[in-house]
């Protein structure tokens, strides 16, 4: 399971215990979900990063790509991980 599958499993266990209990094969479910999340983050990251400016330094490019990945991660996780069953739960860091 990739890191996003682990994040998703932790999210479901903590925030969605009822839905988590209904998953017949958590290993397959979270492997597939993790792959889907990873693929969407990678696709969005390159879209957000855009083309390389002609005069961009290595460090500027690194920063631009890292920021694009962080923005993509936030957007994809918000889209693909369901809201908590109980909105009153405090949200711990899942990454």
PDB file of N, CA and C in Angstrom:
ATOM      1  N   UNK A   1       0.851  -1.170   0.000  1.00  0.00           N
ATOM      2  CA  UNK A   1       0.000   0.000   0.000  1.00  0.00           C
ATOM      3  C   UNK A   1       0.904   1.242   0.000  1.00  0.00           C
ATOM      4  N   UNK A   2       0.565   2.207  -0.877  1.00  0.00           N
ATOM      5  CA  UNK A   2       1.371   3.426  -0.903  1.00  0.00           C
ATOM      6  C   UNK A   2       0.960   4.353   0.246  1.00  0.00           C
ATOM      7  N   UNK A   3       1.663   5.474   0.369  1.00  0.00           N
ATOM      8  CA  UNK A   3       1.417   6.361   1.512  1.00  0.00           C
ATOM      9  C   UNK A   3       0.011   6.950   1.495  1.00  0.00           C
ATOM     10  N   UNK A   4      -0.554   7.166   0.318  1.00  0.00           N
ATOM     11  CA  UNK A   4      -1.897   7.727   0.257  1.00  0.00           C
ATOM     12  C   UNK A   4      -2.954   6.691   0.635  1.00  0.00           C
ATOM     13  N   UNK A   5      -2.697   5.433   0.346  1.00  0.00           N
ATOM     14  CA  UNK A   5      -3.581   4.369   0.810  1.00  0.00           C
ATOM     15  C   UNK A   5      -3.576   4.294   2.326  1.00  0.00           C
ATOM     16  N   UNK A   6      -2.397   4.462   2.928  1.00  0.00           N
ATOM     17  CA  UNK A   6      -2.289   4.460   4.392  1.00  0.00           C
ATOM     18  C   UNK A   6      -3.003   5.665   4.995  1.00  0.00           C
ATOM     19  N   UNK A   7      -2.873   6.832   4.360  1.00  0.00           N
ATOM     20  CA  UNK A   7      -3.572   8.034   4.825  1.00  0.00           C
ATOM     21  C   UNK A   7      -5.081   7.813   4.748  1.00  0.00           C
ATOM     22  N   UNK A   8      -5.542   7.244   3.640  1.00  0.00           N
ATOM     23  CA  UNK A   8      -6.972   6.994   3.463  1.00  0.00           C
ATOM     24  C   UNK A   8      -7.488   6.001   4.501  1.00  0.00           C
ATOM     25  N   UNK A   9      -6.723   4.943   4.758  1.00  0.00           N
ATOM     26  CA  UNK A   9      -7.150   3.955   5.751  1.00  0.00           C
ATOM     27  C   UNK A   9      -7.246   4.593   7.138  1.00  0.00           C
ATOM     28  N   UNK A  10      -6.275   5.396   7.492  1.00  0.00           N
ATOM     29  CA  UNK A  10      -6.300   6.079   8.786  1.00  0.00           C
ATOM     30  C   UNK A  10      -7.506   7.021   8.870  1.00  0.00           C
ATOM     31  N   UNK A  11      -7.792   7.719   7.785  1.00  0.00           N
ATOM     32  CA  UNK A  11      -8.939   8.623   7.732  1.00  0.00           C
ATOM     33  C   UNK A  11     -10.244   7.847   7.951  1.00  0.00           C
ATOM     34  N   UNK A  12     -10.403   6.752   7.228  1.00  0.00           N
ATOM     35  CA  UNK A  12     -11.627   5.942   7.362  1.00  0.00           C
ATOM     36  C   UNK A  12     -11.755   5.366   8.768  1.00  0.00           C
ATOM     37  N   UNK A  13     -10.671   4.821   9.310  1.00  0.00           N
ATOM     38  CA  UNK A  13     -10.738   4.231  10.648  1.00  0.00           C
ATOM     39  C   UNK A  13     -11.119   5.260  11.701  1.00  0.00           C
ATOM     40  N   UNK A  14     -10.557   6.449  11.604  1.00  0.00           N
ATOM     41  CA  UNK A  14     -10.784   7.474  12.619  1.00  0.00           C
ATOM     42  C   UNK A  14     -12.107   8.222  12.420  1.00  0.00           C
ATOM     43  N   UNK A  15     -12.371   8.635  11.188  1.00  0.00           N
ATOM     44  CA  UNK A  15     -13.509   9.509  10.924  1.00  0.00           C
ATOM     45  C   UNK A  15     -14.746   8.809  10.375  1.00  0.00           C
ATOM     46  N   UNK A  16     -14.584   7.606   9.827  1.00  0.00           N
ATOM     47  CA  UNK A  16     -15.687   6.896   9.175  1.00  0.00           C
ATOM     48  C   UNK A  16     -15.757   5.446   9.634  1.00  0.00           C
ATOM     49  N   UNK A  17     -15.843   5.208  10.929  1.00  0.00           N
ATOM     50  CA  UNK A  17     -15.789   3.827  11.418  1.00  0.00           C
ATOM     51  C   UNK A  17     -16.918   2.948  10.883  1.00  0.00           C
ATOM     52  N   UNK A  18     -18.080   3.506  10.651  1.00  0.00           N
ATOM     53  CA  UNK A  18     -19.199   2.723  10.120  1.00  0.00           C
ATOM     54  C   UNK A  18     -18.899   2.268   8.698  1.00  0.00           C
ATOM     55  N   UNK A  19     -18.429   3.190   7.857  1.00  0.00           N
ATOM     56  CA  UNK A  19     -18.087   2.833   6.478  1.00  0.00           C
ATOM     57  C   UNK A  19     -16.885   1.885   6.447  1.00  0.00           C
ATOM     58  N   UNK A  20     -15.908   2.127   7.325  1.00  0.00           N
ATOM     59  CA  UNK A  20     -14.730   1.271   7.382  1.00  0.00           C
ATOM     60  C   UNK A  20     -15.137  -0.171   7.698  1.00  0.00           C
ATOM     61  N   UNK A  21     -16.058  -0.343   8.608  1.00  0.00           N
ATOM     62  CA  UNK A  21     -16.505  -1.684   9.000  1.00  0.00           C
ATOM     63  C   UNK A  21     -17.185  -2.427   7.849  1.00  0.00           C
ATOM     64  N   UNK A  22     -17.725  -1.703   6.889  1.00  0.00           N
ATOM     65  CA  UNK A  22     -18.423  -2.318   5.753  1.00  0.00           C
ATOM     66  C   UNK A  22     -17.494  -2.730   4.616  1.00  0.00           C
ATOM     67  N   UNK A  23     -16.239  -2.336   4.670  1.00  0.00           N
ATOM     68  CA  UNK A  23     -15.284  -2.674   3.610  1.00  0.00           C
ATOM     69  C   UNK A  23     -14.887  -4.138   3.773  1.00  0.00           C
ATOM     70  N   UNK A  24     -15.207  -4.947   2.762  1.00  0.00           N
ATOM     71  CA  UNK A  24     -14.979  -6.386   2.872  1.00  0.00           C
ATOM     72  C   UNK A  24     -13.501  -6.767   2.772  1.00  0.00           C
ATOM     73  N   UNK A  25     -12.742  -6.053   1.957  1.00  0.00           N
ATOM     74  CA  UNK A  25     -11.307  -6.335   1.821  1.00  0.00           C
ATOM     75  C   UNK A  25     -10.542  -5.018   1.891  1.00  0.00           C
ATOM     76  N   UNK A  26     -10.218  -4.576   3.120  1.00  0.00           N
ATOM     77  CA  UNK A  26      -9.544  -3.289   3.279  1.00  0.00           C
ATOM     78  C   UNK A  26      -8.223  -3.181   2.519  1.00  0.00           C
ATOM     79  N   UNK A  27      -7.484  -4.264   2.417  1.00  0.00           N
ATOM     80  CA  UNK A  27      -6.198  -4.214   1.721  1.00  0.00           C
ATOM     81  C   UNK A  27      -6.382  -3.823   0.263  1.00  0.00           C
ATOM     82  N   UNK A  28      -7.275  -4.492  -0.414  1.00  0.00           N
ATOM     83  CA  UNK A  28      -7.532  -4.186  -1.828  1.00  0.00           C
ATOM     84  C   UNK A  28      -8.139  -2.791  -1.964  1.00  0.00           C
ATOM     85  N   UNK A  29      -9.115  -2.468  -1.124  1.00  0.00           N
ATOM     86  CA  UNK A  29      -9.791  -1.178  -1.192  1.00  0.00           C
ATOM     87  C   UNK A  29      -8.796  -0.026  -1.044  1.00  0.00           C
ATOM     88  N   UNK A  30      -7.949  -0.085  -0.031  1.00  0.00           N
ATOM     89  CA  UNK A  30      -7.031   1.022   0.224  1.00  0.00           C
ATOM     90  C   UNK A  30      -5.828   1.016  -0.710  1.00  0.00           C
ATOM     91  N   UNK A  31      -5.443  -0.154  -1.222  1.00  0.00           N
ATOM     92  CA  UNK A  31      -4.422  -0.182  -2.280  1.00  0.00           C
ATOM     93  C   UNK A  31      -4.935   0.545  -3.516  1.00  0.00           C
ATOM     94  N   UNK A  32      -6.163   0.218  -3.917  1.00  0.00           N
ATOM     95  CA  UNK A  32      -6.756   0.849  -5.105  1.00  0.00           C
ATOM     96  C   UNK A  32      -6.980   2.342  -4.891  1.00  0.00           C
ATOM     97  N   UNK A  33      -7.509   2.712  -3.732  1.00  0.00           N
ATOM     98  CA  UNK A  33      -7.757   4.119  -3.444  1.00  0.00           C
ATOM     99  C   UNK A  33      -6.443   4.893  -3.382  1.00  0.00           C
ATOM    100  N   UNK A  34      -5.429   4.319  -2.772  1.00  0.00           N
ATOM    101  CA  UNK A  34      -4.120   4.967  -2.713  1.00  0.00           C
ATOM    102  C   UNK A  34      -3.528   5.197  -4.093  1.00  0.00           C
ATOM    103  N   UNK A  35      -3.662   4.198  -4.978  1.00  0.00           N
ATOM    104  CA  UNK A  35      -3.177   4.358  -6.354  1.00  0.00           C
ATOM    105  C   UNK A  35      -3.948   5.455  -7.086  1.00  0.00           C
ATOM    106  N   UNK A  36      -5.256   5.479  -6.899  1.00  0.00           N
ATOM    107  CA  UNK A  36      -6.092   6.502  -7.531  1.00  0.00           C
ATOM    108  C   UNK A  36      -5.694   7.899  -7.039  1.00  0.00           C
ATOM    109  N   UNK A  37      -5.519   8.048  -5.748  1.00  0.00           N
ATOM    110  CA  UNK A  37      -5.114   9.337  -5.173  1.00  0.00           C
ATOM    111  C   UNK A  37      -3.752   9.751  -5.727  1.00  0.00           C
ATOM    112  N   UNK A  38      -2.805   8.833  -5.729  1.00  0.00           N
ATOM    113  CA  UNK A  38      -1.459   9.126  -6.211  1.00  0.00           C
ATOM    114  C   UNK A  38      -1.475   9.568  -7.675  1.00  0.00           C
ATOM    115  N   UNK A  39      -2.227   8.844  -8.502  1.00  0.00           N
ATOM    116  CA  UNK A  39      -2.313   9.184  -9.925  1.00  0.00           C
ATOM    117  C   UNK A  39      -2.911  10.569 -10.134  1.00  0.00           C
ATOM    118  N   UNK A  40      -3.975  10.879  -9.392  1.00  0.00           N
ATOM    119  CA  UNK A  40      -4.617  12.181  -9.551  1.00  0.00           C
ATOM    120  C   UNK A  40      -3.719  13.311  -9.049  1.00  0.00           C
ATOM    121  N   UNK A  41      -2.996  13.076  -7.966  1.00  0.00           N
ATOM    122  CA  UNK A  41      -2.071  14.093  -7.463  1.00  0.00           C
ATOM    123  C   UNK A  41      -0.982  14.351  -8.496  1.00  0.00           C
ATOM    124  N   UNK A  42      -0.426  13.291  -9.054  1.00  0.00           N
ATOM    125  CA  UNK A  42       0.646  13.449 -10.032  1.00  0.00           C
ATOM    126  C   UNK A  42       0.161  14.221 -11.260  1.00  0.00           C
ATOM    127  N   UNK A  43      -1.018  13.878 -11.743  1.00  0.00           N
ATOM    128  CA  UNK A  43      -1.574  14.563 -12.909  1.00  0.00           C
ATOM    129  C   UNK A  43      -1.831  16.041 -12.612  1.00  0.00           C
ATOM    130  N   UNK A  44      -2.435  16.321 -11.469  1.00  0.00           N
ATOM    131  CA  UNK A  44      -2.749  17.697 -11.113  1.00  0.00           C
ATOM    132  C   UNK A  44      -1.478  18.496 -10.834  1.00  0.00           C
ATOM    133  N   UNK A  45      -0.497  17.857 -10.232  1.00  0.00           N
ATOM    134  CA  UNK A  45       0.760  18.546  -9.904  1.00  0.00           C
ATOM    135  C   UNK A  45       1.384  19.154 -11.155  1.00  0.00           C
ATOM    136  N   UNK A  46       1.467  18.378 -12.217  1.00  0.00           N
ATOM    137  CA  UNK A  46       2.097  18.874 -13.435  1.00  0.00           C
ATOM    138  C   UNK A  46       1.256  19.962 -14.090  1.00  0.00           C
ATOM    139  N   UNK A  47      -0.032  19.845 -13.971  1.00  0.00           N
ATOM    140  CA  UNK A  47      -0.917  20.884 -14.502  1.00  0.00           C
ATOM    141  C   UNK A  47      -0.730  22.191 -13.728  1.00  0.00           C
ATOM    142  N   UNK A  48      -0.676  22.095 -12.398  1.00  0.00           N
ATOM    143  CA  UNK A  48      -0.499  23.283 -11.569  1.00  0.00           C
ATOM    144  C   UNK A  48       0.889  23.915 -11.739  1.00  0.00           C
ATOM    145  N   UNK A  49       1.893  23.086 -11.922  1.00  0.00           N
ATOM    146  CA  UNK A  49       3.268  23.588 -12.029  1.00  0.00           C
ATOM    147  C   UNK A  49       3.481  24.389 -13.308  1.00  0.00           C
ATOM    148  N   UNK A  50       2.822  23.988 -14.355  1.00  0.00           N
ATOM    149  CA  UNK A  50       2.976  24.700 -15.619  1.00  0.00           C
ATOM    150  C   UNK A  50       4.336  24.474 -16.258  1.00  0.00           C
ATOM    151  N   UNK A  51       4.591  25.258 -17.282  1.00  0.00           N
ATOM    152  CA  UNK A  51       5.844  25.136 -18.042  1.00  0.00           C
ATOM    153  C   UNK A  51       7.002  25.778 -17.278  1.00  0.00           C
ATOM    154  N   UNK A  52       8.200  25.294 -17.571  1.00  0.00           N
ATOM    155  CA  UNK A  52       9.406  25.849 -16.955  1.00  0.00           C
ATOM    156  C   UNK A  52       9.716  27.216 -17.555  1.00  0.00           C
ATOM    157  N   UNK A  53       9.820  28.240 -16.716  1.00  0.00           N
ATOM    158  CA  UNK A  53      10.286  29.536 -17.227  1.00  0.00           C
ATOM    159  C   UNK A  53      11.732  29.422 -17.728  1.00  0.00           C
ATOM    160  N   UNK A  54      12.066  30.167 -18.734  1.00  0.00           N
ATOM    161  CA  UNK A  54      13.393  30.070 -19.361  1.00  0.00           C
ATOM    162  C   UNK A  54      14.526  30.369 -18.388  1.00  0.00           C
ATOM    163  N   UNK A  55      14.340  31.322 -17.494  1.00  0.00           N
ATOM    164  CA  UNK A  55      15.434  31.737 -16.602  1.00  0.00           C
ATOM    165  C   UNK A  55      15.310  31.164 -15.195  1.00  0.00           C
ATOM    166  N   UNK A  56      14.531  30.107 -15.035  1.00  0.00           N
ATOM    167  CA  UNK A  56      14.294  29.534 -13.708  1.00  0.00           C
ATOM    168  C   UNK A  56      15.529  28.795 -13.193  1.00  0.00           C
ATOM    169  N   UNK A  57      15.882  29.068 -11.951  1.00  0.00           N
ATOM    170  CA  UNK A  57      17.000  28.357 -11.331  1.00  0.00           C
ATOM    171  C   UNK A  57      16.519  26.995 -10.825  1.00  0.00           C
ATOM    172  N   UNK A  58      17.480  26.145 -10.508  1.00  0.00           N
ATOM    173  CA  UNK A  58      17.145  24.826  -9.977  1.00  0.00           C
ATOM    174  C   UNK A  58      16.304  24.935  -8.709  1.00  0.00           C
ATOM    175  N   UNK A  59      16.714  25.804  -7.786  1.00  0.00           N
ATOM    176  CA  UNK A  59      15.992  25.943  -6.513  1.00  0.00           C
ATOM    177  C   UNK A  59      14.595  26.514  -6.721  1.00  0.00           C
ATOM    178  N   UNK A  60      14.437  27.442  -7.648  1.00  0.00           N
ATOM    179  CA  UNK A  60      13.112  27.981  -7.936  1.00  0.00           C
ATOM    180  C   UNK A  60      12.208  26.892  -8.530  1.00  0.00           C
ATOM    181  N   UNK A  61      12.774  26.076  -9.402  1.00  0.00           N
ATOM    182  CA  UNK A  61      11.986  24.990  -9.983  1.00  0.00           C
ATOM    183  C   UNK A  61      11.583  23.985  -8.914  1.00  0.00           C
ATOM    184  N   UNK A  62      12.518  23.647  -8.052  1.00  0.00           N
ATOM    185  CA  UNK A  62      12.221  22.718  -6.967  1.00  0.00           C
ATOM    186  C   UNK A  62      11.086  23.259  -6.096  1.00  0.00           C
ATOM    187  N   UNK A  63      11.166  24.527  -5.748  1.00  0.00           N
ATOM    188  CA  UNK A  63      10.114  25.141  -4.948  1.00  0.00           C
ATOM    189  C   UNK A  63       8.780  25.149  -5.663  1.00  0.00           C
ATOM    190  N   UNK A  64       8.785  25.472  -6.960  1.00  0.00           N
ATOM    191  CA  UNK A  64       7.548  25.501  -7.749  1.00  0.00           C
ATOM    192  C   UNK A  64       6.912  24.113  -7.823  1.00  0.00           C
ATOM    193  N   UNK A  65       7.723  23.101  -8.068  1.00  0.00           N
ATOM    194  CA  UNK A  65       7.186  21.738  -8.164  1.00  0.00           C
ATOM    195  C   UNK A  65       6.692  21.230  -6.811  1.00  0.00           C
ATOM    196  N   UNK A  66       7.418  21.534  -5.742  1.00  0.00           N
ATOM    197  CA  UNK A  66       6.974  21.127  -4.405  1.00  0.00           C
ATOM    198  C   UNK A  66       5.658  21.795  -4.034  1.00  0.00           C
ATOM    199  N   UNK A  67       5.515  23.082  -4.333  1.00  0.00           N
ATOM    200  CA  UNK A  67       4.274  23.787  -4.027  1.00  0.00           C
ATOM    201  C   UNK A  67       3.122  23.225  -4.850  1.00  0.00           C
ATOM    202  N   UNK A  68       3.368  22.923  -6.111  1.00  0.00           N
ATOM    203  CA  UNK A  68       2.328  22.341  -6.955  1.00  0.00           C
ATOM    204  C   UNK A  68       1.879  20.992  -6.398  1.00  0.00           C
ATOM    205  N   UNK A  69       2.822  20.194  -5.909  1.00  0.00           N
ATOM    206  CA  UNK A  69       2.465  18.894  -5.338  1.00  0.00           C
ATOM    207  C   UNK A  69       1.645  19.051  -4.058  1.00  0.00           C
ATOM    208  N   UNK A  70       2.034  19.994  -3.211  1.00  0.00           N
ATOM    209  CA  UNK A  70       1.273  20.235  -1.979  1.00  0.00           C
ATOM    210  C   UNK A  70      -0.156  20.694  -2.283  1.00  0.00           C
ATOM    211  N   UNK A  71      -0.289  21.578  -3.249  1.00  0.00           N
ATOM    212  CA  UNK A  71      -1.620  22.065  -3.626  1.00  0.00           C
ATOM    213  C   UNK A  71      -2.458  20.932  -4.221  1.00  0.00           C
ATOM    214  N   UNK A  72      -1.841  20.099  -5.044  1.00  0.00           N
ATOM    215  CA  UNK A  72      -2.550  18.975  -5.649  1.00  0.00           C
ATOM    216  C   UNK A  72      -2.965  17.965  -4.580  1.00  0.00           C
ATOM    217  N   UNK A  73      -2.067  17.681  -3.646  1.00  0.00           N
ATOM    218  CA  UNK A  73      -2.372  16.743  -2.569  1.00  0.00           C
ATOM    219  C   UNK A  73      -3.577  17.222  -1.758  1.00  0.00           C
ATOM    220  N   UNK A  74      -3.570  18.490  -1.402  1.00  0.00           N
ATOM    221  CA  UNK A  74      -4.674  19.044  -0.625  1.00  0.00           C
ATOM    222  C   UNK A  74      -6.000  18.925  -1.389  1.00  0.00           C
ATOM    223  N   UNK A  75      -5.993  19.267  -2.663  1.00  0.00           N
ATOM    224  CA  UNK A  75      -7.218  19.234  -3.464  1.00  0.00           C
ATOM    225  C   UNK A  75      -7.732  17.808  -3.657  1.00  0.00           C
ATOM    226  N   UNK A  76      -6.845  16.883  -3.982  1.00  0.00           N
ATOM    227  CA  UNK A  76      -7.268  15.505  -4.263  1.00  0.00           C
ATOM    228  C   UNK A  76      -7.752  14.812  -2.990  1.00  0.00           C
ATOM    229  N   UNK A  77      -7.041  14.984  -1.888  1.00  0.00           N
ATOM    230  CA  UNK A  77      -7.483  14.354  -0.641  1.00  0.00           C
ATOM    231  C   UNK A  77      -8.834  14.919  -0.201  1.00  0.00           C
ATOM    232  N   UNK A  78      -9.034  16.214  -0.365  1.00  0.00           N
ATOM    233  CA  UNK A  78     -10.319  16.819  -0.001  1.00  0.00           C
ATOM    234  C   UNK A  78     -11.444  16.279  -0.874  1.00  0.00           C
ATOM    235  N   UNK A  79     -11.126  15.973  -2.122  1.00  0.00           N
ATOM    236  CA  UNK A  79     -12.134  15.467  -3.050  1.00  0.00           C
ATOM    237  C   UNK A  79     -12.437  13.983  -2.838  1.00  0.00           C
ATOM    238  N   UNK A  80     -11.422  13.183  -2.582  1.00  0.00           N
ATOM    239  CA  UNK A  80     -11.602  11.727  -2.561  1.00  0.00           C
ATOM    240  C   UNK A  80     -11.833  11.111  -1.179  1.00  0.00           C
ATOM    241  N   UNK A  81     -11.520  11.840  -0.118  1.00  0.00           N
ATOM    242  CA  UNK A  81     -11.778  11.298   1.218  1.00  0.00           C
ATOM    243  C   UNK A  81     -13.080  11.900   1.746  1.00  0.00           C
ATOM    244  N   UNK A  82     -14.050  11.045   2.066  1.00  0.00           N
ATOM    245  CA  UNK A  82     -15.350  11.541   2.531  1.00  0.00           C
ATOM    246  C   UNK A  82     -15.237  12.340   3.829  1.00  0.00           C
ATOM    247  N   UNK A  83     -16.196  13.229   4.017  1.00  0.00           N
ATOM    248  CA  UNK A  83     -16.263  14.021   5.252  1.00  0.00           C
ATOM    249  C   UNK A  83     -16.512  13.083   6.434  1.00  0.00           C
ATOM    250  N   UNK A  84     -16.066  13.463   7.615  1.00  0.00           N
ATOM    251  CA  UNK A  84     -16.270  12.630   8.803  1.00  0.00           C
ATOM    252  C   UNK A  84     -17.751  12.374   9.089  1.00  0.00           C
ATOM    253  N   UNK A  85     -18.017  11.199   9.666  1.00  0.00           N
ATOM    254  CA  UNK A  85     -19.382  10.869  10.078  1.00  0.00           C
ATOM    255  C   UNK A  85     -19.847  11.823  11.166  1.00  0.00           C
ATOM    256  N   UNK A  86     -18.943  12.177  12.064  1.00  0.00           N
ATOM    257  CA  UNK A  86     -19.242  13.067  13.165  1.00  0.00           C
ATOM    258  C   UNK A  86     -18.430  14.340  12.974  1.00  0.00           C
ATOM    259  N   UNK A  87     -19.075  15.413  12.568  1.00  0.00           N
ATOM    260  CA  UNK A  87     -18.391  16.672  12.264  1.00  0.00           C
ATOM    261  C   UNK A  87     -17.719  17.292  13.487  1.00  0.00           C
ATOM    262  N   UNK A  88     -18.052  16.832  14.708  1.00  0.00           N
ATOM    263  CA  UNK A  88     -17.485  17.395  15.915  1.00  0.00           C
ATOM    264  C   UNK A  88     -16.086  16.883  16.219  1.00  0.00           C
ATOM    265  N   UNK A  89     -15.621  15.872  15.492  1.00  0.00           N
ATOM    266  CA  UNK A  89     -14.298  15.306  15.752  1.00  0.00           C
ATOM    267  C   UNK A  89     -13.221  16.294  15.336  1.00  0.00           C
ATOM    268  N   UNK A  90     -12.209  16.423  16.165  1.00  0.00           N
ATOM    269  CA  UNK A  90     -11.056  17.227  15.808  1.00  0.00           C
ATOM    270  C   UNK A  90     -10.257  16.465  14.766  1.00  0.00           C
ATOM    271  N   UNK A  91      -9.779  17.168  13.774  1.00  0.00           N
ATOM    272  CA  UNK A  91      -9.051  16.532  12.677  1.00  0.00           C
ATOM    273  C   UNK A  91      -7.554  16.506  12.972  1.00  0.00           C
ATOM    274  N   UNK A  92      -6.999  15.323  13.286  1.00  0.00           N
ATOM    275  CA  UNK A  92      -5.556  15.227  13.465  1.00  0.00           C
ATOM    276  C   UNK A  92      -4.884  15.224  12.095  1.00  0.00           C
ATOM    277  N   UNK A  93      -3.598  15.449  12.074  1.00  0.00           N
ATOM    278  CA  UNK A  93      -2.858  15.400  10.827  1.00  0.00           C
ATOM    279  C   UNK A  93      -2.833  13.953  10.335  1.00  0.00           C
ATOM    280  N   UNK A  94      -3.202  13.750   9.068  1.00  0.00           N
ATOM    281  CA  UNK A  94      -3.238  12.401   8.515  1.00  0.00           C
ATOM    282  C   UNK A  94      -2.043  12.126   7.614  1.00  0.00           C
ATOM    283  N   UNK A  95      -1.191  13.096   7.418  1.00  0.00           N
ATOM    284  CA  UNK A  95      -0.055  12.867   6.526  1.00  0.00           C
ATOM    285  C   UNK A  95       1.234  12.839   7.300  1.00  0.00           C
TER     286      UNK A  95
END
